Amino acid sequence: MSGFDEGNVLWSDQGLAANEKGAQETDFANMIRHFQRGDEFPYRDQLRKNTNMHEYFLEVDMDDVMAFDSKLHDSLRERPGEVMPVLERAAREVHVSTLVGRREDEAAVPDVQVLLNASAEATPLRELAANDYAALVHVQGIVISASKPMVKATSMTLQCKSCKAIRKLRVRPGFGGVAIPRTCDGRAGQEAVSGGKQCGLDPFNVLPDKSDFVDLQKLKLQELPGQVPTGEMPRHLMVTLDRHLVGRVVPGAVVMVSGIYSINQSTGKPRGASATSVRQPYLRAVGVQQLKGVGGRMTDTDFSAEEETKFRAMASQPGFFETLVSSIAPSIFGQEEVKQALACQLLGGARKILPDGGKLRGDINVLMLGDPSTAKSQLLKFIEKAAPISVYTSGKGSSAAGG
């Protein structure tokens, strides 16, 4: 401690993190305002268009961030949990600057969600490891289940039952929660002066009408069939979507998810030291892209009027059904009746309403039974490849039989 009182300037690095966040916020705001592609300003125009339609989100390409500021890109890739809130504050400030003279001073400005799109090579699900924790990762897979939209609190307002003190707590994103304090410090300064009583244990009540909430949805992502080693079962990963990502994809879709690799407490009931050390990984999505034409799968693009006319002309030709049936798994000889049933299932039926008001669904279900090695699985795999939205599953997880 020599020289402590010699009049030198003492400093610490505690404010560097705040300065870095301020610089990142300024850099991203400049990117939104000034990034140019040709004669267009894509992000400034996109933000203005979305907010005018009351859709408060901004989709950003990671390649554009790299081209504009490589340091910001590296920080976003290595520490997305810290950088993403900074980017959303910057997007909100840019939005506020465009509203000068267009809103009242008391009007609240909603937050702007930043969504990331990436063209980087995806990481296979089975290669995600502990080293990827808290980093930005990109994975591909098939959505095999999607939960109903739920509501998650982003901030909770608490009120003490005794002294009526108000306290506001921020909730961690994803599956993260918040610990409600068990004691109230509202009367900490009054107790010694007036001899008042303490508020006791667990005095807080949650005020839902003064708390903030967002939409949340859970997806179950399964790795692509081409990434599954021979003889192995496909692996799964839980994904959380929030705000404007909710409802974007449906089960059966092939997606590219960019997200923060996070951990959640295990759903089991471990004992001992593993009760606090075992965690279940999941992905907190910050961007979702639906892929087309992956793994030989048909695209789900809309057909043009000329194509619809051609299809109707083909359907009116005699013998078209036999031509369609012969096109199913042409490498498999015979099985004409099975192929006819699969063709009906692939095309589906028409929904009917009976005179008495009853309704018949147009979905067609097929039960296929047969001896081993009679191409049942191969026929089903062909249908899975041909269908725009489909999921191929196997019975290995529940029985010793095949698919």
Protein backbone atom coordinates (compact mmCIF):
# COMPACT_ATOMS: atom_id res chain seq x y z
CA MET A 1 0.00 0.00 0.00
CA SER A 2 3.03 2.27 -0.28
CA GLY A 3 2.28 5.45 -2.17
CA PHE A 4 -1.43 5.32 -1.36
CA ASP A 5 -1.47 8.85 0.06
CA GLU A 6 0.93 10.49 -2.40
CA GLY A 7 -1.78 12.21 -4.41
CA ASN A 8 -1.76 9.75 -7.31
CA VAL A 9 -4.88 8.99 -9.32
CA LEU A 10 -6.37 5.62 -8.36
CA TRP A 11 -8.69 3.73 -10.72
CA SER A 12 -10.47 0.43 -11.08
CA ASP A 13 -11.87 -1.51 -14.01
CA GLN A 14 -15.40 -1.84 -12.59
CA GLY A 15 -16.85 0.58 -15.14
CA LEU A 16 -15.32 -1.02 -18.22
CA ALA A 17 -18.18 -3.47 -18.67
CA ALA A 18 -20.73 -0.64 -18.70
CA ASN A 19 -18.60 1.31 -21.15
CA GLU A 20 -18.35 -1.72 -23.42
CA LYS A 21 -22.12 -2.20 -23.37
CA GLY A 22 -22.61 1.46 -24.20
CA ALA A 23 -20.24 1.15 -27.15
CA GLN A 24 -22.01 -1.96 -28.40
CA GLU A 25 -25.38 -0.23 -28.14
CA THR A 26 -24.07 2.72 -30.13
CA ASP A 27 -22.47 0.48 -32.77
CA PHE A 28 -25.66 -1.53 -33.32
CA ALA A 29 -27.79 1.62 -33.48
CA ASN A 30 -25.42 2.95 -36.14
CA MET A 31 -25.73 -0.33 -38.02
CA ILE A 32 -29.53 -0.06 -38.08
CA ARG A 33 -29.38 3.52 -39.29
CA HIS A 34 -26.47 3.40 -41.73
CA PHE A 35 -25.99 -0.19 -42.98
CA GLN A 36 -26.49 -0.06 -46.72
CA ARG A 37 -27.04 -2.80 -49.28
CA GLY A 38 -26.93 -1.23 -52.72
CA ASP A 39 -29.19 1.82 -52.63
CA GLU A 40 -31.27 0.51 -49.73
CA PHE A 41 -31.01 0.73 -45.96
CA PRO A 42 -32.52 -2.71 -45.13
CA TYR A 43 -32.62 -2.60 -41.33
CA ARG A 44 -33.83 0.96 -41.01
CA ASP A 45 -36.60 0.30 -43.53
CA GLN A 46 -37.48 -3.06 -41.96
CA LEU A 47 -37.76 -1.57 -38.47
CA ARG A 48 -39.97 1.24 -39.73
CA LYS A 49 -42.19 -1.17 -41.69
CA ASN A 50 -42.59 -3.65 -38.81
CA THR A 51 -43.33 -1.04 -36.17
CA ASN A 52 -45.89 0.68 -38.40
CA MET A 53 -47.68 -2.70 -38.51
CA HIS A 54 -47.35 -2.99 -34.70
CA GLU A 55 -44.93 -5.89 -35.06
CA TYR A 56 -42.02 -4.91 -32.87
CA PHE A 57 -39.16 -7.09 -34.05
CA LEU A 58 -36.09 -6.76 -36.25
CA GLU A 59 -34.46 -9.64 -38.15
CA VAL A 60 -30.69 -9.28 -38.44
CA ASP A 61 -28.31 -11.35 -40.58
CA MET A 62 -25.14 -12.41 -38.76
CA ASP A 63 -23.12 -11.96 -41.96
CA ASP A 64 -24.15 -8.29 -42.07
CA VAL A 65 -23.06 -7.84 -38.44
CA MET A 66 -19.71 -9.38 -39.33
CA ALA A 67 -19.31 -7.06 -42.30
CA PHE A 68 -20.25 -3.96 -40.28
CA ASP A 69 -18.39 -4.65 -37.01
CA SER A 70 -16.40 -7.86 -36.52
CA LYS A 71 -15.84 -7.12 -32.83
CA LEU A 72 -19.57 -6.86 -32.20
CA HIS A 73 -20.06 -10.11 -34.14
CA ASP A 74 -17.50 -11.94 -31.99
CA SER A 75 -19.05 -10.63 -28.77
CA LEU A 76 -22.49 -11.72 -29.95
CA ARG A 77 -21.22 -15.20 -30.79
CA GLU A 78 -19.32 -15.69 -27.52
CA ARG A 79 -21.59 -13.86 -25.02
CA PRO A 80 -25.09 -13.68 -26.54
CA GLY A 81 -26.82 -13.63 -23.16
CA GLU A 82 -25.16 -10.31 -22.35
CA VAL A 83 -25.15 -8.75 -25.81
CA MET A 84 -28.73 -9.50 -26.94
CA PRO A 85 -30.38 -7.18 -24.35
CA VAL A 86 -27.96 -4.44 -25.44
CA LEU A 87 -28.98 -4.90 -29.08
CA GLU A 88 -32.67 -4.78 -28.19
CA ARG A 89 -32.17 -1.55 -26.25
CA ALA A 90 -30.41 -0.08 -29.28
CA ALA A 91 -33.25 -1.15 -31.59
CA ARG A 92 -35.77 0.39 -29.21
CA GLU A 93 -33.84 3.67 -29.10
CA VAL A 94 -33.75 3.82 -32.91
CA HIS A 95 -37.49 3.19 -32.96
CA VAL A 96 -38.07 5.95 -30.38
CA SER A 97 -36.04 8.40 -32.47
CA THR A 98 -38.34 7.78 -35.43
CA LEU A 99 -41.41 8.64 -33.33
CA VAL A 100 -40.41 12.23 -32.55
CA GLY A 101 -43.52 14.35 -33.00
CA ARG A 102 -45.71 11.29 -33.68
CA ARG A 103 -46.62 10.21 -30.15
CA GLU A 104 -47.58 11.67 -26.82
CA ASP A 105 -44.98 11.93 -24.09
CA GLU A 106 -46.96 9.61 -21.81
CA ALA A 107 -47.33 6.87 -24.42
CA ALA A 108 -45.25 3.79 -23.61
CA VAL A 109 -42.93 2.46 -26.30
CA PRO A 110 -42.84 -1.37 -26.45
CA ASP A 111 -39.60 -3.31 -26.57
CA VAL A 112 -38.21 -4.38 -29.95
CA GLN A 113 -37.14 -8.02 -30.25
CA VAL A 114 -33.97 -8.70 -32.26
CA LEU A 115 -34.02 -11.98 -34.21
CA LEU A 116 -30.85 -13.48 -35.68
CA ASN A 117 -30.53 -15.28 -39.01
CA ALA A 118 -27.34 -17.19 -39.75
CA SER A 119 -25.93 -18.96 -42.78
CA ALA A 120 -23.17 -20.64 -40.76
CA GLU A 121 -22.74 -24.39 -40.76
CA ALA A 122 -25.02 -26.01 -38.21
CA THR A 123 -23.67 -28.02 -35.28
CA PRO A 124 -25.08 -31.58 -35.03
CA LEU A 125 -27.18 -32.10 -31.91
CA ARG A 126 -24.99 -34.92 -30.61
CA GLU A 127 -21.88 -32.71 -30.81
CA LEU A 128 -23.20 -30.06 -28.41
CA ALA A 129 -21.13 -30.21 -25.23
CA ALA A 130 -20.49 -28.32 -22.00
CA ASN A 131 -18.01 -26.07 -23.81
CA ASP A 132 -20.93 -24.60 -25.79
CA TYR A 133 -22.71 -23.42 -22.65
CA ALA A 134 -23.82 -19.75 -22.83
CA ALA A 135 -22.55 -19.47 -26.44
CA LEU A 136 -24.50 -18.83 -29.63
CA VAL A 137 -25.01 -22.12 -31.52
CA HIS A 138 -26.83 -23.04 -34.73
CA VAL A 139 -28.57 -26.42 -35.03
CA GLN A 140 -30.79 -28.11 -37.61
CA GLY A 141 -33.52 -30.61 -36.90
CA ILE A 142 -37.12 -31.69 -37.32
CA VAL A 143 -39.79 -30.28 -35.01
CA ILE A 144 -41.59 -33.33 -33.62
CA SER A 145 -43.77 -31.57 -31.06
CA ALA A 146 -44.82 -28.05 -30.15
CA SER A 147 -46.57 -26.99 -26.97
CA LYS A 148 -49.44 -24.56 -26.71
CA PRO A 149 -48.40 -20.93 -26.21
CA MET A 150 -47.87 -20.13 -22.56
CA VAL A 151 -47.28 -16.95 -20.58
CA LYS A 152 -43.98 -16.23 -18.82
CA ALA A 153 -43.22 -13.35 -16.51
CA THR A 154 -40.30 -11.10 -17.39
CA SER A 155 -40.67 -8.97 -14.26
CA MET A 156 -42.73 -9.57 -11.13
CA THR A 157 -44.20 -6.93 -8.83
CA LEU A 158 -44.46 -7.92 -5.17
CA GLN A 159 -46.33 -6.23 -2.33
CA CYS A 160 -45.78 -6.80 1.36
CA LYS A 161 -48.91 -7.84 3.21
CA SER A 162 -47.93 -5.88 6.33
CA CYS A 163 -46.30 -2.61 5.31
CA LYS A 164 -47.62 -2.54 1.69
CA ALA A 165 -44.12 -1.92 0.33
CA ILE A 166 -43.73 -2.54 -3.42
CA ARG A 167 -40.79 -4.45 -4.85
CA LYS A 168 -40.07 -5.29 -8.49
CA LEU A 169 -37.94 -8.30 -9.51
CA ARG A 170 -36.59 -9.24 -12.94
CA VAL A 171 -37.09 -12.84 -14.08
CA ARG A 172 -34.37 -14.70 -15.97
CA PRO A 173 -35.31 -15.60 -19.57
CA GLY A 174 -35.98 -19.11 -20.87
CA PHE A 175 -36.68 -21.64 -18.14
CA GLY A 176 -35.04 -19.36 -15.58
CA GLY A 177 -37.05 -18.13 -12.62
CA VAL A 178 -36.65 -15.73 -9.73
CA ALA A 179 -36.26 -16.26 -5.99
CA ILE A 180 -38.92 -14.37 -4.02
CA PRO A 181 -37.32 -12.90 -0.88
CA ARG A 182 -38.58 -14.33 2.39
CA THR A 183 -38.18 -11.13 4.38
CA CYS A 184 -39.25 -7.54 3.81
CA ASP A 185 -36.96 -4.59 4.46
CA GLY A 186 -39.72 -1.97 4.17
CA ARG A 187 -39.69 -1.28 7.95
CA ALA A 188 -35.96 -1.69 8.48
CA GLY A 189 -35.47 2.02 9.26
CA GLN A 190 -38.70 2.47 11.22
CA GLU A 191 -38.23 -0.38 13.67
CA ALA A 192 -35.52 1.28 15.74
CA VAL A 193 -37.31 4.65 15.83
CA SER A 194 -40.90 3.68 16.51
CA GLY A 195 -40.47 0.18 17.85
CA GLY A 196 -42.57 -1.25 15.03
CA LYS A 197 -42.83 -4.94 14.39
CA GLN A 198 -41.13 -6.77 11.57
CA CYS A 199 -43.17 -8.00 8.63
CA GLY A 200 -42.37 -11.66 9.34
CA LEU A 201 -41.41 -14.46 6.97
CA ASP A 202 -42.83 -14.76 3.45
CA PRO A 203 -44.82 -11.51 3.54
CA PHE A 204 -44.99 -10.89 -0.20
CA ASN A 205 -47.92 -11.32 -2.56
CA VAL A 206 -47.50 -11.26 -6.35
CA LEU A 207 -49.43 -8.55 -8.21
CA PRO A 208 -50.10 -10.04 -11.67
CA ASP A 209 -51.76 -6.90 -13.05
CA LYS A 210 -48.57 -4.89 -12.39
CA SER A 211 -46.16 -7.55 -13.66
CA ASP A 212 -44.87 -7.95 -17.21
CA PHE A 213 -45.43 -11.10 -19.30
CA VAL A 214 -44.46 -12.46 -22.73
CA ASP A 215 -45.60 -15.42 -24.81
CA LEU A 216 -43.53 -18.61 -24.51
CA GLN A 217 -43.60 -21.87 -26.46
CA LYS A 218 -41.62 -25.10 -26.13
CA LEU A 219 -40.46 -27.18 -29.10
CA LYS A 220 -38.93 -30.64 -29.19
CA LEU A 221 -36.26 -30.80 -31.88
CA GLN A 222 -35.04 -34.12 -33.32
CA GLU A 223 -31.81 -34.45 -35.28
CA LEU A 224 -32.04 -35.03 -39.02
CA PRO A 225 -32.10 -38.66 -40.22
CA GLY A 226 -28.86 -38.16 -42.14
CA GLN A 227 -27.06 -37.20 -38.92
CA VAL A 228 -28.05 -40.32 -36.98
CA PRO A 229 -25.32 -42.99 -36.95
CA THR A 230 -26.28 -46.49 -38.04
CA GLY A 231 -27.99 -48.40 -35.26
CA GLU A 232 -28.41 -45.32 -33.03
CA MET A 233 -31.59 -43.64 -31.84
CA PRO A 234 -32.10 -40.01 -32.86
CA ARG A 235 -31.42 -37.47 -30.14
CA HIS A 236 -33.67 -34.62 -29.06
CA LEU A 237 -33.24 -31.11 -27.72
CA MET A 238 -35.75 -28.86 -25.99
CA VAL A 239 -36.08 -25.37 -27.52
CA THR A 240 -37.87 -22.34 -26.06
CA LEU A 241 -39.42 -19.63 -28.24
CA ASP A 242 -40.65 -16.30 -26.94
CA ARG A 243 -42.52 -13.24 -28.16
CA HIS A 244 -42.60 -13.00 -31.98
CA LEU A 245 -41.08 -16.47 -32.50
CA VAL A 246 -44.11 -18.17 -30.96
CA GLY A 247 -46.25 -20.00 -33.52
CA ARG A 248 -43.80 -19.64 -36.41
CA VAL A 249 -43.23 -23.37 -36.96
CA VAL A 250 -45.39 -26.49 -36.73
CA PRO A 251 -44.47 -30.13 -36.03
CA GLY A 252 -42.87 -31.79 -39.05
CA ALA A 253 -41.03 -28.68 -40.21
CA VAL A 254 -37.27 -28.78 -40.81
CA VAL A 255 -35.75 -25.73 -39.13
CA MET A 256 -32.46 -24.00 -38.46
CA VAL A 257 -32.46 -22.65 -34.91
CA SER A 258 -30.01 -20.05 -33.65
CA GLY A 259 -30.01 -19.86 -29.90
CA ILE A 260 -28.20 -19.63 -26.59
CA TYR A 261 -27.17 -23.03 -25.26
CA SER A 262 -28.50 -22.99 -21.69
CA ILE A 263 -29.01 -25.41 -18.83
CA ASN A 264 -32.00 -26.17 -16.67
CA GLN A 265 -32.32 -28.16 -13.50
CA SER A 266 -32.88 -31.86 -14.20
CA THR A 267 -36.51 -32.94 -14.30
CA GLY A 268 -35.69 -36.05 -12.27
CA LYS A 269 -35.13 -36.27 -8.52
CA PRO A 270 -31.39 -36.77 -8.01
CA ARG A 271 -30.07 -37.14 -4.50
CA GLY A 272 -26.90 -36.00 -2.81
CA ALA A 273 -24.40 -33.82 -4.61
CA SER A 274 -26.01 -34.44 -8.00
CA ALA A 275 -29.13 -32.58 -6.82
CA THR A 276 -27.33 -29.27 -7.46
CA SER A 277 -24.76 -30.29 -10.07
CA VAL A 278 -26.89 -32.14 -12.65
CA ARG A 279 -28.51 -29.89 -15.23
CA GLN A 280 -30.60 -30.52 -18.34
CA PRO A 281 -29.50 -28.58 -21.46
CA TYR A 282 -31.92 -26.68 -23.66
CA LEU A 283 -31.73 -24.02 -26.36
CA ARG A 284 -33.13 -20.52 -25.88
CA ALA A 285 -33.91 -19.52 -29.46
CA VAL A 286 -33.06 -16.07 -30.78
CA GLY A 287 -33.88 -16.92 -34.40
CA VAL A 288 -35.69 -19.66 -36.35
CA GLN A 289 -35.51 -20.28 -40.10
CA GLN A 290 -37.68 -22.88 -41.81
CA LEU A 291 -35.63 -24.84 -44.34
CA LYS A 292 -36.92 -26.17 -47.65
CA GLY A 293 -35.71 -29.03 -49.77
CA VAL A 294 -33.65 -30.59 -46.95
CA GLY A 295 -32.94 -34.34 -47.12
CA GLY A 296 -34.80 -34.87 -50.39
CA ARG A 297 -37.98 -33.38 -48.93
CA MET A 298 -40.40 -31.52 -51.20
CA THR A 299 -40.71 -27.80 -50.75
CA ASP A 300 -43.98 -26.31 -49.55
CA THR A 301 -43.97 -23.33 -51.87
CA ASP A 302 -47.29 -22.18 -53.26
CA PHE A 303 -48.13 -23.52 -56.70
CA SER A 304 -48.73 -21.08 -59.53
CA ALA A 305 -52.00 -20.90 -61.48
CA GLU A 306 -50.33 -22.58 -64.49
CA GLU A 307 -49.17 -25.48 -62.35
CA GLU A 308 -52.63 -25.93 -60.84
CA THR A 309 -54.12 -26.02 -64.33
CA LYS A 310 -51.58 -28.66 -65.35
CA PHE A 311 -52.33 -30.75 -62.28
CA ARG A 312 -56.07 -30.65 -62.96
CA ALA A 313 -55.45 -31.74 -66.56
CA MET A 314 -53.31 -34.64 -65.35
CA ALA A 315 -55.97 -35.72 -62.85
CA SER A 316 -58.65 -35.79 -65.57
CA GLN A 317 -56.65 -38.19 -67.75
CA PRO A 318 -57.76 -41.84 -67.71
CA GLY A 319 -55.47 -44.16 -65.77
CA PHE A 320 -53.87 -41.33 -63.79
CA PHE A 321 -54.34 -43.10 -60.45
CA GLU A 322 -52.47 -46.17 -61.74
CA THR A 323 -49.67 -43.91 -62.97
CA LEU A 324 -49.49 -42.25 -59.55
CA VAL A 325 -49.40 -45.60 -57.75
CA SER A 326 -46.61 -46.89 -59.96
CA SER A 327 -44.57 -43.78 -59.11
CA ILE A 328 -44.49 -44.67 -55.40
CA ALA A 329 -41.23 -46.45 -54.49
CA PRO A 330 -40.62 -47.69 -58.08
CA SER A 331 -37.57 -49.66 -56.90
CA ILE A 332 -39.87 -52.00 -54.92
CA PHE A 333 -41.58 -54.58 -57.13
CA GLY A 334 -45.25 -55.44 -56.56
CA GLN A 335 -47.13 -54.37 -53.42
CA GLU A 336 -49.78 -52.71 -55.61
CA GLU A 337 -52.50 -52.71 -52.95
CA VAL A 338 -50.16 -51.31 -50.33
CA LYS A 339 -49.02 -48.55 -52.68
CA GLN A 340 -52.64 -47.67 -53.47
CA ALA A 341 -53.39 -47.28 -49.74
CA LEU A 342 -50.28 -45.14 -49.24
CA ALA A 343 -51.21 -42.96 -52.23
CA CYS A 344 -54.64 -42.32 -50.69
CA GLN A 345 -53.03 -41.48 -47.37
CA LEU A 346 -50.52 -39.16 -49.02
CA LEU A 347 -53.20 -37.20 -50.91
CA GLY A 348 -55.83 -37.28 -48.16
CA GLY A 349 -59.59 -37.14 -48.50
CA ALA A 350 -62.26 -34.48 -48.46
CA ARG A 351 -63.92 -33.26 -45.28
CA LYS A 352 -67.64 -34.06 -45.33
CA ILE A 353 -70.59 -32.64 -43.43
CA LEU A 354 -73.55 -35.04 -43.15
CA PRO A 355 -77.20 -33.91 -43.42
CA ASP A 356 -77.67 -34.44 -39.68
CA GLY A 357 -74.77 -32.07 -38.91
CA GLY A 358 -72.19 -34.76 -38.29
CA LYS A 359 -68.66 -34.19 -39.60
CA LEU A 360 -66.28 -36.68 -41.16
CA ARG A 361 -62.60 -35.80 -41.24
CA GLY A 362 -60.72 -36.10 -44.50
CA ASP A 363 -57.62 -37.64 -42.92
CA ILE A 364 -56.84 -41.19 -44.02
CA ASN A 365 -55.04 -43.56 -41.64
CA VAL A 366 -53.28 -46.76 -42.72
CA LEU A 367 -52.33 -49.77 -40.61
CA MET A 368 -49.63 -51.82 -42.33
CA LEU A 369 -48.99 -55.38 -41.15
CA GLY A 370 -46.68 -57.93 -42.72
CA ASP A 371 -43.84 -60.38 -42.33
CA PRO A 372 -40.29 -59.14 -41.70
CA SER A 373 -38.24 -57.97 -44.68
CA THR A 374 -41.24 -57.14 -46.88
CA ALA A 375 -40.25 -53.48 -47.48
CA LYS A 376 -42.70 -51.94 -45.00
CA SER A 377 -40.17 -49.45 -43.64
CA GLN A 378 -38.85 -48.60 -47.10
CA LEU A 379 -42.33 -47.77 -48.35
CA LEU A 380 -42.99 -45.55 -45.34
CA LYS A 381 -39.63 -43.80 -45.75
CA PHE A 382 -40.51 -42.99 -49.36
CA ILE A 383 -43.79 -41.41 -48.24
CA GLU A 384 -41.93 -39.46 -45.53
CA LYS A 385 -39.57 -38.05 -48.16
CA ALA A 386 -42.40 -37.13 -50.54
CA ALA A 387 -44.69 -35.44 -48.01
CA PRO A 388 -44.10 -31.70 -47.46
CA ILE A 389 -44.53 -32.07 -43.69
CA SER A 390 -43.91 -35.43 -42.07
CA VAL A 391 -42.07 -37.15 -39.24
CA TYR A 392 -40.74 -40.69 -39.54
CA THR A 393 -40.63 -42.54 -36.25
CA SER A 394 -39.65 -46.04 -35.21
CA GLY A 395 -40.83 -48.54 -32.62
CA LYS A 396 -37.32 -49.31 -31.35
CA GLY A 397 -37.78 -47.08 -28.36
CA SER A 398 -40.80 -48.99 -27.05
CA SER A 399 -40.32 -52.54 -28.30
CA ALA A 400 -37.79 -54.87 -29.81
CA ALA A 401 -39.65 -54.84 -33.12
CA GLY A 402 -38.65 -52.72 -36.07
CA GLY A 403 -40.44 -49.65 -37.48
